[in-house]
PDB file of N, CA and C in Angstrom:
ATOM      1  N   MET A   1      11.248   9.570  -2.648  1.00  0.00           N
ATOM      2  CA  MET A   1      11.673  10.006  -1.330  1.00  0.00           C
ATOM      3  C   MET A   1      12.383   8.840  -0.661  1.00  0.00           C
ATOM      4  N   ALA A   2      13.645   8.951  -0.439  1.00  0.00           N
ATOM      5  CA  ALA A   2      14.397   7.902   0.248  1.00  0.00           C
ATOM      6  C   ALA A   2      14.579   8.305   1.711  1.00  0.00           C
ATOM      7  N   VAL A   3      14.164   7.456   2.588  1.00  0.00           N
ATOM      8  CA  VAL A   3      14.281   7.717   4.021  1.00  0.00           C
ATOM      9  C   VAL A   3      14.776   6.441   4.675  1.00  0.00           C
ATOM     10  N   ASP A   4      15.816   6.555   5.464  1.00  0.00           N
ATOM     11  CA  ASP A   4      16.366   5.421   6.196  1.00  0.00           C
ATOM     12  C   ASP A   4      16.517   4.199   5.299  1.00  0.00           C
ATOM     13  N   ASN A   5      15.768   3.149   5.575  1.00  0.00           N
ATOM     14  CA  ASN A   5      15.959   1.894   4.873  1.00  0.00           C
ATOM     15  C   ASN A   5      14.752   1.483   4.034  1.00  0.00           C
ATOM     16  N   TYR A   6      13.924   2.436   3.674  1.00  0.00           N
ATOM     17  CA  TYR A   6      12.817   2.168   2.757  1.00  0.00           C
ATOM     18  C   TYR A   6      12.730   3.322   1.769  1.00  0.00           C
ATOM     19  N   GLU A   7      11.957   3.122   0.721  1.00  0.00           N
ATOM     20  CA  GLU A   7      11.846   4.142  -0.309  1.00  0.00           C
ATOM     21  C   GLU A   7      10.387   4.276  -0.734  1.00  0.00           C
ATOM     22  N   ILE A   8       9.975   5.511  -0.947  1.00  0.00           N
ATOM     23  CA  ILE A   8       8.638   5.806  -1.443  1.00  0.00           C
ATOM     24  C   ILE A   8       8.797   6.641  -2.699  1.00  0.00           C
ATOM     25  N   LEU A   9       8.201   6.177  -3.784  1.00  0.00           N
ATOM     26  CA  LEU A   9       8.214   6.919  -5.040  1.00  0.00           C
ATOM     27  C   LEU A   9       6.781   7.282  -5.393  1.00  0.00           C
ATOM     28  N   LEU A  10       6.533   8.552  -5.659  1.00  0.00           N
ATOM     29  CA  LEU A  10       5.208   9.026  -6.019  1.00  0.00           C
ATOM     30  C   LEU A  10       5.224   9.389  -7.495  1.00  0.00           C
ATOM     31  N   GLU A  11       4.265   8.836  -8.243  1.00  0.00           N
ATOM     32  CA  GLU A  11       4.175   9.110  -9.670  1.00  0.00           C
ATOM     33  C   GLU A  11       2.734   9.440 -10.023  1.00  0.00           C
ATOM     34  N   GLN A  12       2.569  10.245 -11.063  1.00  0.00           N
ATOM     35  CA  GLN A  12       1.248  10.491 -11.613  1.00  0.00           C
ATOM     36  C   GLN A  12       1.368  10.312 -13.120  1.00  0.00           C
ATOM     37  N   PRO A  13       0.812   9.199 -13.640  1.00  0.00           N
ATOM     38  CA  PRO A  13       0.916   8.947 -15.075  1.00  0.00           C
ATOM     39  C   PRO A  13       0.356  10.120 -15.884  1.00  0.00           C
ATOM     40  N   GLU A  14       1.048  10.440 -16.955  1.00  0.00           N
ATOM     41  CA  GLU A  14       0.656  11.557 -17.803  1.00  0.00           C
ATOM     42  C   GLU A  14      -0.772  11.366 -18.308  1.00  0.00           C
ATOM     43  N   GLY A  15      -1.541  12.436 -18.268  1.00  0.00           N
ATOM     44  CA  GLY A  15      -2.915  12.405 -18.743  1.00  0.00           C
ATOM     45  C   GLY A  15      -3.875  11.677 -17.820  1.00  0.00           C
ATOM     46  N   SER A  16      -3.473  11.471 -16.573  1.00  0.00           N
ATOM     47  CA  SER A  16      -4.295  10.721 -15.631  1.00  0.00           C
ATOM     48  C   SER A  16      -4.458  11.510 -14.337  1.00  0.00           C
ATOM     49  N   ASN A  17      -5.586  11.306 -13.672  1.00  0.00           N
ATOM     50  CA  ASN A  17      -5.750  11.918 -12.354  1.00  0.00           C
ATOM     51  C   ASN A  17      -5.455  10.907 -11.254  1.00  0.00           C
ATOM     52  N   ARG A  18      -4.859   9.786 -11.635  1.00  0.00           N
ATOM     53  CA  ARG A  18      -4.526   8.710 -10.707  1.00  0.00           C
ATOM     54  C   ARG A  18      -3.098   8.894 -10.184  1.00  0.00           C
ATOM     55  N   GLN A  19      -2.914   8.681  -8.907  1.00  0.00           N
ATOM     56  CA  GLN A  19      -1.570   8.676  -8.339  1.00  0.00           C
ATOM     57  C   GLN A  19      -1.111   7.245  -8.150  1.00  0.00           C
ATOM     58  N   GLU A  20       0.182   7.047  -8.302  1.00  0.00           N
ATOM     59  CA  GLU A  20       0.781   5.744  -8.057  1.00  0.00           C
ATOM     60  C   GLU A  20       1.913   5.922  -7.056  1.00  0.00           C
ATOM     61  N   ILE A  21       1.930   5.047  -6.068  1.00  0.00           N
ATOM     62  CA  ILE A  21       2.988   5.087  -5.053  1.00  0.00           C
ATOM     63  C   ILE A  21       3.662   3.735  -5.027  1.00  0.00           C
ATOM     64  N   ILE A  22       4.981   3.764  -5.131  1.00  0.00           N
ATOM     65  CA  ILE A  22       5.786   2.547  -5.085  1.00  0.00           C
ATOM     66  C   ILE A  22       6.486   2.507  -3.736  1.00  0.00           C
ATOM     67  N   LEU A  23       6.328   1.389  -3.025  1.00  0.00           N
ATOM     68  CA  LEU A  23       6.955   1.190  -1.714  1.00  0.00           C
ATOM     69  C   LEU A  23       7.990   0.082  -1.835  1.00  0.00           C
ATOM     70  N   LYS A  24       9.213   0.356  -1.393  1.00  0.00           N
ATOM     71  CA  LYS A  24      10.310  -0.610  -1.477  1.00  0.00           C
ATOM     72  C   LYS A  24      11.109  -0.605  -0.183  1.00  0.00           C
ATOM     73  N   GLY A  25      11.975  -1.608  -0.059  1.00  0.00           N
ATOM     74  CA  GLY A  25      12.912  -1.649   1.061  1.00  0.00           C
ATOM     75  C   GLY A  25      12.364  -2.379   2.270  1.00  0.00           C
ATOM     76  N   GLU A  26      12.658  -1.839   3.439  1.00  0.00           N
ATOM     77  CA  GLU A  26      12.248  -2.426   4.715  1.00  0.00           C
ATOM     78  C   GLU A  26      10.845  -1.941   5.069  1.00  0.00           C
ATOM     79  N   LEU A  27       9.852  -2.728   4.724  1.00  0.00           N
ATOM     80  CA  LEU A  27       8.465  -2.375   5.005  1.00  0.00           C
ATOM     81  C   LEU A  27       8.027  -3.153   6.242  1.00  0.00           C
ATOM     82  N   THR A  28       8.471  -2.646   7.376  1.00  0.00           N
ATOM     83  CA  THR A  28       8.276  -3.342   8.645  1.00  0.00           C
ATOM     84  C   THR A  28       7.690  -2.384   9.686  1.00  0.00           C
ATOM     85  N   VAL A  29       7.368  -2.927  10.830  1.00  0.00           N
ATOM     86  CA  VAL A  29       6.730  -2.164  11.890  1.00  0.00           C
ATOM     87  C   VAL A  29       7.525  -0.903  12.244  1.00  0.00           C
ATOM     88  N   GLU A  30       8.829  -0.959  12.150  1.00  0.00           N
ATOM     89  CA  GLU A  30       9.654   0.208  12.487  1.00  0.00           C
ATOM     90  C   GLU A  30       9.377   1.393  11.569  1.00  0.00           C
ATOM     91  N   ASN A  31       8.905   1.136  10.363  1.00  0.00           N
ATOM     92  CA  ASN A  31       8.687   2.205   9.391  1.00  0.00           C
ATOM     93  C   ASN A  31       7.219   2.521   9.142  1.00  0.00           C
ATOM     94  N   THR A  32       6.312   1.831   9.811  1.00  0.00           N
ATOM     95  CA  THR A  32       4.892   2.027   9.500  1.00  0.00           C
ATOM     96  C   THR A  32       4.416   3.451   9.794  1.00  0.00           C
ATOM     97  N   LYS A  33       4.843   4.038  10.886  1.00  0.00           N
ATOM     98  CA  LYS A  33       4.361   5.376  11.237  1.00  0.00           C
ATOM     99  C   LYS A  33       4.771   6.405  10.194  1.00  0.00           C
ATOM    100  N   SER A  34       6.015   6.396   9.779  1.00  0.00           N
ATOM    101  CA  SER A  34       6.451   7.398   8.804  1.00  0.00           C
ATOM    102  C   SER A  34       5.840   7.141   7.426  1.00  0.00           C
ATOM    103  N   VAL A  35       5.665   5.874   7.039  1.00  0.00           N
ATOM    104  CA  VAL A  35       5.018   5.578   5.755  1.00  0.00           C
ATOM    105  C   VAL A  35       3.553   5.998   5.812  1.00  0.00           C
ATOM    106  N   TYR A  36       2.869   5.684   6.907  1.00  0.00           N
ATOM    107  CA  TYR A  36       1.464   6.062   7.037  1.00  0.00           C
ATOM    108  C   TYR A  36       1.304   7.580   6.991  1.00  0.00           C
ATOM    109  N   ASN A  37       2.172   8.302   7.673  1.00  0.00           N
ATOM    110  CA  ASN A  37       2.114   9.768   7.634  1.00  0.00           C
ATOM    111  C   ASN A  37       2.320  10.283   6.215  1.00  0.00           C
ATOM    112  N   TYR A  38       3.243   9.666   5.490  1.00  0.00           N
ATOM    113  CA  TYR A  38       3.463  10.062   4.093  1.00  0.00           C
ATOM    114  C   TYR A  38       2.194   9.843   3.272  1.00  0.00           C
ATOM    115  N   LEU A  39       1.574   8.663   3.433  1.00  0.00           N
ATOM    116  CA  LEU A  39       0.353   8.366   2.674  1.00  0.00           C
ATOM    117  C   LEU A  39      -0.761   9.359   3.023  1.00  0.00           C
ATOM    118  N   LEU A  40      -0.925   9.658   4.299  1.00  0.00           N
ATOM    119  CA  LEU A  40      -1.962  10.608   4.708  1.00  0.00           C
ATOM    120  C   LEU A  40      -1.715  12.003   4.132  1.00  0.00           C
ATOM    121  N   ASN A  41      -0.471  12.438   4.127  1.00  0.00           N
ATOM    122  CA  ASN A  41      -0.146  13.787   3.671  1.00  0.00           C
ATOM    123  C   ASN A  41      -0.071  13.920   2.156  1.00  0.00           C
ATOM    124  N   ASN A  42       0.183  12.831   1.449  1.00  0.00           N
ATOM    125  CA  ASN A  42       0.422  12.935   0.013  1.00  0.00           C
ATOM    126  C   ASN A  42      -0.574  12.198  -0.866  1.00  0.00           C
ATOM    127  N   ALA A  43      -1.391  11.325  -0.301  1.00  0.00           N
ATOM    128  CA  ALA A  43      -2.243  10.510  -1.163  1.00  0.00           C
ATOM    129  C   ALA A  43      -3.633  10.242  -0.613  1.00  0.00           C
ATOM    130  N   TYR A  44      -3.936  10.684   0.562  1.00  0.00           N
ATOM    131  CA  TYR A  44      -5.200  10.314   1.198  1.00  0.00           C
ATOM    132  C   TYR A  44      -6.426  10.804   0.420  1.00  0.00           C
ATOM    133  N   HIS A  45      -6.368  12.018  -0.081  1.00  0.00           N
ATOM    134  CA  HIS A  45      -7.552  12.611  -0.697  1.00  0.00           C
ATOM    135  C   HIS A  45      -7.603  12.475  -2.216  1.00  0.00           C
ATOM    136  N   THR A  46      -6.594  11.911  -2.840  1.00  0.00           N
ATOM    137  CA  THR A  46      -6.657  11.707  -4.285  1.00  0.00           C
ATOM    138  C   THR A  46      -7.766  10.701  -4.606  1.00  0.00           C
ATOM    139  N   ASP A  47      -8.475  10.912  -5.705  1.00  0.00           N
ATOM    140  CA  ASP A  47      -9.620  10.059  -6.029  1.00  0.00           C
ATOM    141  C   ASP A  47      -9.227   8.632  -6.361  1.00  0.00           C
ATOM    142  N   SER A  48      -8.122   8.454  -7.054  1.00  0.00           N
ATOM    143  CA  SER A  48      -7.702   7.126  -7.484  1.00  0.00           C
ATOM    144  C   SER A  48      -6.224   6.927  -7.147  1.00  0.00           C
ATOM    145  N   LEU A  49      -5.939   5.853  -6.446  1.00  0.00           N
ATOM    146  CA  LEU A  49      -4.573   5.589  -5.992  1.00  0.00           C
ATOM    147  C   LEU A  49      -4.229   4.130  -6.225  1.00  0.00           C
ATOM    148  N   LYS A  50      -3.028   3.907  -6.730  1.00  0.00           N
ATOM    149  CA  LYS A  50      -2.515   2.544  -6.851  1.00  0.00           C
ATOM    150  C   LYS A  50      -1.237   2.460  -6.037  1.00  0.00           C
ATOM    151  N   LEU A  51      -1.205   1.516  -5.100  1.00  0.00           N
ATOM    152  CA  LEU A  51      -0.014   1.251  -4.289  1.00  0.00           C
ATOM    153  C   LEU A  51       0.692   0.033  -4.864  1.00  0.00           C
ATOM    154  N   PHE A  52       1.974   0.164  -5.108  1.00  0.00           N
ATOM    155  CA  PHE A  52       2.805  -0.957  -5.537  1.00  0.00           C
ATOM    156  C   PHE A  52       3.732  -1.324  -4.385  1.00  0.00           C
ATOM    157  N   VAL A  53       3.638  -2.541  -3.893  1.00  0.00           N
ATOM    158  CA  VAL A  53       4.598  -3.064  -2.929  1.00  0.00           C
ATOM    159  C   VAL A  53       5.594  -3.834  -3.783  1.00  0.00           C
ATOM    160  N   ASN A  54       6.760  -3.234  -4.005  1.00  0.00           N
ATOM    161  CA  ASN A  54       7.691  -3.692  -5.021  1.00  0.00           C
ATOM    162  C   ASN A  54       8.903  -4.405  -4.430  1.00  0.00           C
ATOM    163  N   SER A  55       8.864  -5.718  -4.431  1.00  0.00           N
ATOM    164  CA  SER A  55       9.988  -6.565  -3.997  1.00  0.00           C
ATOM    165  C   SER A  55      10.671  -6.030  -2.742  1.00  0.00           C
ATOM    166  N   PRO A  56       9.946  -5.916  -1.643  1.00  0.00           N
ATOM    167  CA  PRO A  56      10.562  -5.367  -0.432  1.00  0.00           C
ATOM    168  C   PRO A  56      11.686  -6.264   0.086  1.00  0.00           C
ATOM    169  N   ALA A  57      12.675  -5.634   0.692  1.00  0.00           N
ATOM    170  CA  ALA A  57      13.759  -6.391   1.318  1.00  0.00           C
ATOM    171  C   ALA A  57      13.183  -7.231   2.457  1.00  0.00           C
ATOM    172  N   ASN A  58      12.304  -6.619   3.235  1.00  0.00           N
ATOM    173  CA  ASN A  58      11.570  -7.282   4.321  1.00  0.00           C
ATOM    174  C   ASN A  58      10.195  -6.640   4.406  1.00  0.00           C
ATOM    175  N   ILE A  59       9.225  -7.448   4.775  1.00  0.00           N
ATOM    176  CA  ILE A  59       7.882  -6.933   4.990  1.00  0.00           C
ATOM    177  C   ILE A  59       7.242  -7.781   6.084  1.00  0.00           C
ATOM    178  N   ASP A  60       6.456  -7.134   6.939  1.00  0.00           N
ATOM    179  CA  ASP A  60       5.802  -7.897   8.000  1.00  0.00           C
ATOM    180  C   ASP A  60       4.299  -7.647   7.989  1.00  0.00           C
ATOM    181  N   LEU A  61       3.596  -8.407   8.808  1.00  0.00           N
ATOM    182  CA  LEU A  61       2.141  -8.307   8.826  1.00  0.00           C
ATOM    183  C   LEU A  61       1.661  -6.946   9.317  1.00  0.00           C
ATOM    184  N   CYS A  62       2.423  -6.288  10.174  1.00  0.00           N
ATOM    185  CA  CYS A  62       2.053  -4.946  10.637  1.00  0.00           C
ATOM    186  C   CYS A  62       1.951  -3.983   9.465  1.00  0.00           C
ATOM    187  N   PHE A  63       2.840  -4.138   8.511  1.00  0.00           N
ATOM    188  CA  PHE A  63       2.818  -3.253   7.360  1.00  0.00           C
ATOM    189  C   PHE A  63       1.552  -3.474   6.541  1.00  0.00           C
ATOM    190  N   PHE A  64       1.125  -4.735   6.420  1.00  0.00           N
ATOM    191  CA  PHE A  64      -0.115  -5.003   5.694  1.00  0.00           C
ATOM    192  C   PHE A  64      -1.330  -4.508   6.460  1.00  0.00           C
ATOM    193  N   GLN A  65      -1.260  -4.506   7.783  1.00  0.00           N
ATOM    194  CA  GLN A  65      -2.341  -3.921   8.573  1.00  0.00           C
ATOM    195  C   GLN A  65      -2.441  -2.425   8.286  1.00  0.00           C
ATOM    196  N   LEU A  66      -1.311  -1.763   8.102  1.00  0.00           N
ATOM    197  CA  LEU A  66      -1.288  -0.349   7.733  1.00  0.00           C
ATOM    198  C   LEU A  66      -2.002  -0.155   6.397  1.00  0.00           C
ATOM    199  N   ILE A  67      -1.672  -0.971   5.414  1.00  0.00           N
ATOM    200  CA  ILE A  67      -2.291  -0.855   4.088  1.00  0.00           C
ATOM    201  C   ILE A  67      -3.798  -1.088   4.174  1.00  0.00           C
ATOM    202  N   ILE A  68      -4.206  -2.093   4.923  1.00  0.00           N
ATOM    203  CA  ILE A  68      -5.627  -2.397   5.074  1.00  0.00           C
ATOM    204  C   ILE A  68      -6.360  -1.232   5.744  1.00  0.00           C
ATOM    205  N   GLY A  69      -5.796  -0.696   6.813  1.00  0.00           N
ATOM    206  CA  GLY A  69      -6.412   0.446   7.496  1.00  0.00           C
ATOM    207  C   GLY A  69      -6.521   1.660   6.594  1.00  0.00           C
ATOM    208  N   PHE A  70      -5.485   1.911   5.816  1.00  0.00           N
ATOM    209  CA  PHE A  70      -5.482   3.031   4.878  1.00  0.00           C
ATOM    210  C   PHE A  70      -6.572   2.834   3.826  1.00  0.00           C
ATOM    211  N   MET A  71      -6.689   1.616   3.303  1.00  0.00           N
ATOM    212  CA  MET A  71      -7.715   1.324   2.301  1.00  0.00           C
ATOM    213  C   MET A  71      -9.119   1.484   2.886  1.00  0.00           C
ATOM    214  N   GLU A  72      -9.323   0.995   4.109  1.00  0.00           N
ATOM    215  CA  GLU A  72     -10.638   1.122   4.749  1.00  0.00           C
ATOM    216  C   GLU A  72     -11.016   2.592   4.937  1.00  0.00           C
ATOM    217  N   SER A  73     -10.071   3.412   5.345  1.00  0.00           N
ATOM    218  CA  SER A  73     -10.330   4.843   5.526  1.00  0.00           C
ATOM    219  C   SER A  73     -10.700   5.505   4.204  1.00  0.00           C
ATOM    220  N   ARG A  74      -9.963   5.165   3.156  1.00  0.00           N
ATOM    221  CA  ARG A  74     -10.255   5.748   1.831  1.00  0.00           C
ATOM    222  C   ARG A  74     -11.597   5.260   1.294  1.00  0.00           C
ATOM    223  N   ASN A  75     -11.942   4.002   1.546  1.00  0.00           N
ATOM    224  CA  ASN A  75     -13.232   3.489   1.080  1.00  0.00           C
ATOM    225  C   ASN A  75     -14.395   4.251   1.718  1.00  0.00           C
ATOM    226  N   LYS A  76     -14.241   4.655   2.969  1.00  0.00           N
ATOM    227  CA  LYS A  76     -15.291   5.429   3.641  1.00  0.00           C
ATOM    228  C   LYS A  76     -15.502   6.772   2.960  1.00  0.00           C
ATOM    229  N   LEU A  77     -14.472   7.263   2.254  1.00  0.00           N
ATOM    230  CA  LEU A  77     -14.568   8.526   1.512  1.00  0.00           C
ATOM    231  C   LEU A  77     -14.914   8.286   0.036  1.00  0.00           C
ATOM    232  N   ASN A  78     -15.232   7.029  -0.299  1.00  0.00           N
ATOM    233  CA  ASN A  78     -15.526   6.633  -1.681  1.00  0.00           C
ATOM    234  C   ASN A  78     -14.355   6.902  -2.626  1.00  0.00           C
ATOM    235  N   LYS A  79     -13.166   6.624  -2.154  1.00  0.00           N
ATOM    236  CA  LYS A  79     -11.948   6.777  -2.951  1.00  0.00           C
ATOM    237  C   LYS A  79     -11.475   5.398  -3.402  1.00  0.00           C
ATOM    238  N   GLU A  80     -11.028   5.311  -4.639  1.00  0.00           N
ATOM    239  CA  GLU A  80     -10.545   4.046  -5.196  1.00  0.00           C
ATOM    240  C   GLU A  80      -9.084   3.814  -4.801  1.00  0.00           C
ATOM    241  N   THR A  81      -8.793   2.630  -4.280  1.00  0.00           N
ATOM    242  CA  THR A  81      -7.433   2.249  -3.927  1.00  0.00           C
ATOM    243  C   THR A  81      -7.194   0.827  -4.402  1.00  0.00           C
ATOM    244  N   THR A  82      -6.148   0.638  -5.189  1.00  0.00           N
ATOM    245  CA  THR A  82      -5.754  -0.708  -5.589  1.00  0.00           C
ATOM    246  C   THR A  82      -4.337  -0.952  -5.106  1.00  0.00           C
ATOM    247  N   VAL A  83      -4.035  -2.222  -4.899  1.00  0.00           N
ATOM    248  CA  VAL A  83      -2.720  -2.609  -4.387  1.00  0.00           C
ATOM    249  C   VAL A  83      -2.162  -3.712  -5.274  1.00  0.00           C
ATOM    250  N   ASP A  84      -0.934  -3.546  -5.699  1.00  0.00           N
ATOM    251  CA  ASP A  84      -0.223  -4.551  -6.489  1.00  0.00           C
ATOM    252  C   ASP A  84       0.961  -5.007  -5.639  1.00  0.00           C
ATOM    253  N   ILE A  85       0.986  -6.291  -5.304  1.00  0.00           N
ATOM    254  CA  ILE A  85       1.990  -6.821  -4.385  1.00  0.00           C
ATOM    255  C   ILE A  85       2.946  -7.741  -5.123  1.00  0.00           C
ATOM    256  N   ASP A  86       4.217  -7.383  -5.138  1.00  0.00           N
ATOM    257  CA  ASP A  86       5.266  -8.196  -5.756  1.00  0.00           C
ATOM    258  C   ASP A  86       6.200  -8.681  -4.649  1.00  0.00           C
ATOM    259  N   ILE A  87       5.907  -9.888  -4.146  1.00  0.00           N
ATOM    260  CA  ILE A  87       6.706 -10.463  -3.064  1.00  0.00           C
ATOM    261  C   ILE A  87       7.044 -11.905  -3.420  1.00  0.00           C
ATOM    262  N   ASP A  88       7.975 -12.493  -2.663  1.00  0.00           N
ATOM    263  CA  ASP A  88       8.378 -13.868  -2.974  1.00  0.00           C
ATOM    264  C   ASP A  88       7.292 -14.863  -2.571  1.00  0.00           C
ATOM    265  N   GLU A  89       7.436 -16.095  -3.032  1.00  0.00           N
ATOM    266  CA  GLU A  89       6.421 -17.139  -2.840  1.00  0.00           C
ATOM    267  C   GLU A  89       6.105 -17.423  -1.369  1.00  0.00           C
ATOM    268  N   SER A  90       7.129 -17.462  -0.513  1.00  0.00           N
ATOM    269  CA  SER A  90       6.878 -17.776   0.897  1.00  0.00           C
ATOM    270  C   SER A  90       6.081 -16.662   1.574  1.00  0.00           C
ATOM    271  N   GLN A  91       6.386 -15.407   1.231  1.00  0.00           N
ATOM    272  CA  GLN A  91       5.634 -14.289   1.790  1.00  0.00           C
ATOM    273  C   GLN A  91       4.197 -14.300   1.274  1.00  0.00           C
ATOM    274  N   LEU A  92       4.024 -14.599  -0.015  1.00  0.00           N
ATOM    275  CA  LEU A  92       2.694 -14.659  -0.598  1.00  0.00           C
ATOM    276  C   LEU A  92       1.861 -15.769   0.044  1.00  0.00           C
ATOM    277  N   GLU A  93       2.496 -16.896   0.311  1.00  0.00           N
ATOM    278  CA  GLU A  93       1.796 -18.007   0.967  1.00  0.00           C
ATOM    279  C   GLU A  93       1.321 -17.592   2.360  1.00  0.00           C
ATOM    280  N   LEU A  94       2.168 -16.889   3.116  1.00  0.00           N
ATOM    281  CA  LEU A  94       1.784 -16.413   4.439  1.00  0.00           C
ATOM    282  C   LEU A  94       0.595 -15.467   4.354  1.00  0.00           C
ATOM    283  N   LEU A  95       0.623 -14.535   3.407  1.00  0.00           N
ATOM    284  CA  LEU A  95      -0.476 -13.577   3.267  1.00  0.00           C
ATOM    285  C   LEU A  95      -1.767 -14.264   2.854  1.00  0.00           C
ATOM    286  N   THR A  96      -1.643 -15.303   2.060  1.00  0.00           N
ATOM    287  CA  THR A  96      -2.824 -16.053   1.642  1.00  0.00           C
ATOM    288  C   THR A  96      -3.408 -16.813   2.830  1.00  0.00           C
ATOM    289  N   LYS A  97      -2.553 -17.491   3.591  1.00  0.00           N
ATOM    290  CA  LYS A  97      -3.017 -18.278   4.741  1.00  0.00           C
ATOM    291  C   LYS A  97      -3.615 -17.414   5.845  1.00  0.00           C
ATOM    292  N   THR A  98      -3.129 -16.208   6.008  1.00  0.00           N
ATOM    293  CA  THR A  98      -3.649 -15.331   7.053  1.00  0.00           C
ATOM    294  C   THR A  98      -4.894 -14.559   6.611  1.00  0.00           C
ATOM    295  N   GLY A  99      -5.260 -14.673   5.334  1.00  0.00           N
ATOM    296  CA  GLY A  99      -6.439 -13.987   4.812  1.00  0.00           C
ATOM    297  C   GLY A  99      -6.193 -12.557   4.381  1.00  0.00           C
ATOM    298  N   ILE A 100      -4.954 -12.115   4.413  1.00  0.00           N
ATOM    299  CA  ILE A 100      -4.656 -10.724   4.070  1.00  0.00           C
ATOM    300  C   ILE A 100      -4.888 -10.456   2.584  1.00  0.00           C
ATOM    301  N   ILE A 101      -4.500 -11.374   1.721  1.00  0.00           N
ATOM    302  CA  ILE A 101      -4.717 -11.191   0.284  1.00  0.00           C
ATOM    303  C   ILE A 101      -6.215 -11.069   0.002  1.00  0.00           C
ATOM    304  N   GLU A 102      -7.007 -11.922   0.625  1.00  0.00           N
ATOM    305  CA  GLU A 102      -8.461 -11.882   0.445  1.00  0.00           C
ATOM    306  C   GLU A 102      -9.039 -10.559   0.947  1.00  0.00           C
ATOM    307  N   LYS A 103      -8.567 -10.076   2.078  1.00  0.00           N
ATOM    308  CA  LYS A 103      -9.050  -8.812   2.651  1.00  0.00           C
ATOM    309  C   LYS A 103      -8.719  -7.640   1.726  1.00  0.00           C
ATOM    310  N   ILE A 104      -7.486  -7.586   1.222  1.00  0.00           N
ATOM    311  CA  ILE A 104      -7.091  -6.512   0.313  1.00  0.00           C
ATOM    312  C   ILE A 104      -7.932  -6.564  -0.960  1.00  0.00           C
ATOM    313  N   SER A 105      -8.136  -7.755  -1.489  1.00  0.00           N
ATOM    314  CA  SER A 105      -8.957  -7.917  -2.693  1.00  0.00           C
ATOM    315  C   SER A 105     -10.383  -7.430  -2.444  1.00  0.00           C
ATOM    316  N   SER A 106     -10.937  -7.764  -1.298  1.00  0.00           N
ATOM    317  CA  SER A 106     -12.289  -7.348  -0.927  1.00  0.00           C
ATOM    318  C   SER A 106     -12.378  -5.824  -0.828  1.00  0.00           C
ATOM    319  N   LEU A 107     -11.388  -5.198  -0.214  1.00  0.00           N
ATOM    320  CA  LEU A 107     -11.379  -3.742  -0.064  1.00  0.00           C
ATOM    321  C   LEU A 107     -11.247  -3.042  -1.410  1.00  0.00           C
ATOM    322  N   GLN A 108     -10.488  -3.632  -2.326  1.00  0.00           N
ATOM    323  CA  GLN A 108     -10.345  -3.045  -3.659  1.00  0.00           C
ATOM    324  C   GLN A 108     -11.701  -3.030  -4.366  1.00  0.00           C
ATOM    325  N   LYS A 109     -12.480  -4.083  -4.206  1.00  0.00           N
ATOM    326  CA  LYS A 109     -13.803  -4.165  -4.847  1.00  0.00           C
ATOM    327  C   LYS A 109     -14.765  -3.149  -4.222  1.00  0.00           C
ATOM    328  N   GLU A 110     -14.681  -2.968  -2.900  1.00  0.00           N
ATOM    329  CA  GLU A 110     -15.554  -2.005  -2.208  1.00  0.00           C
ATOM    330  C   GLU A 110     -15.293  -0.590  -2.671  1.00  0.00           C
ATOM    331  N   GLY A 111     -14.036  -0.273  -2.927  1.00  0.00           N
ATOM    332  CA  GLY A 111     -13.656   1.099  -3.271  1.00  0.00           C
ATOM    333  C   GLY A 111     -13.933   1.477  -4.704  1.00  0.00           C
ATOM    334  N   LEU A 112     -14.340   0.535  -5.524  1.00  0.00           N
ATOM    335  CA  LEU A 112     -14.598   0.855  -6.938  1.00  0.00           C
ATOM    336  C   LEU A 112     -15.969   1.438  -7.140  1.00  0.00           C
TER     337      LEU A 112
END
């Protein structure tokens, strides 16, 4: 699904009940509402979900707050959510220093 300046791809690997969602492009505060609505409508209730943040053109901390909130909501329903983040070194350093990587890792363990 291509919308404005970001892209969401939904996949379900053959022979699996797991959904995979790939997020690309401008993953910023301007797009959080529409991305969150997409996740709620298309992936919230699936038992196993993997989110790929795939080399975004831009990404901000608000977007990671969206991912964290989504993961926390799914964990309350005992749903598994994993996140694979492919970003450049400077962005990764920021996420590490702010504790976001640690928080996402912690939520992934809770949901298993």
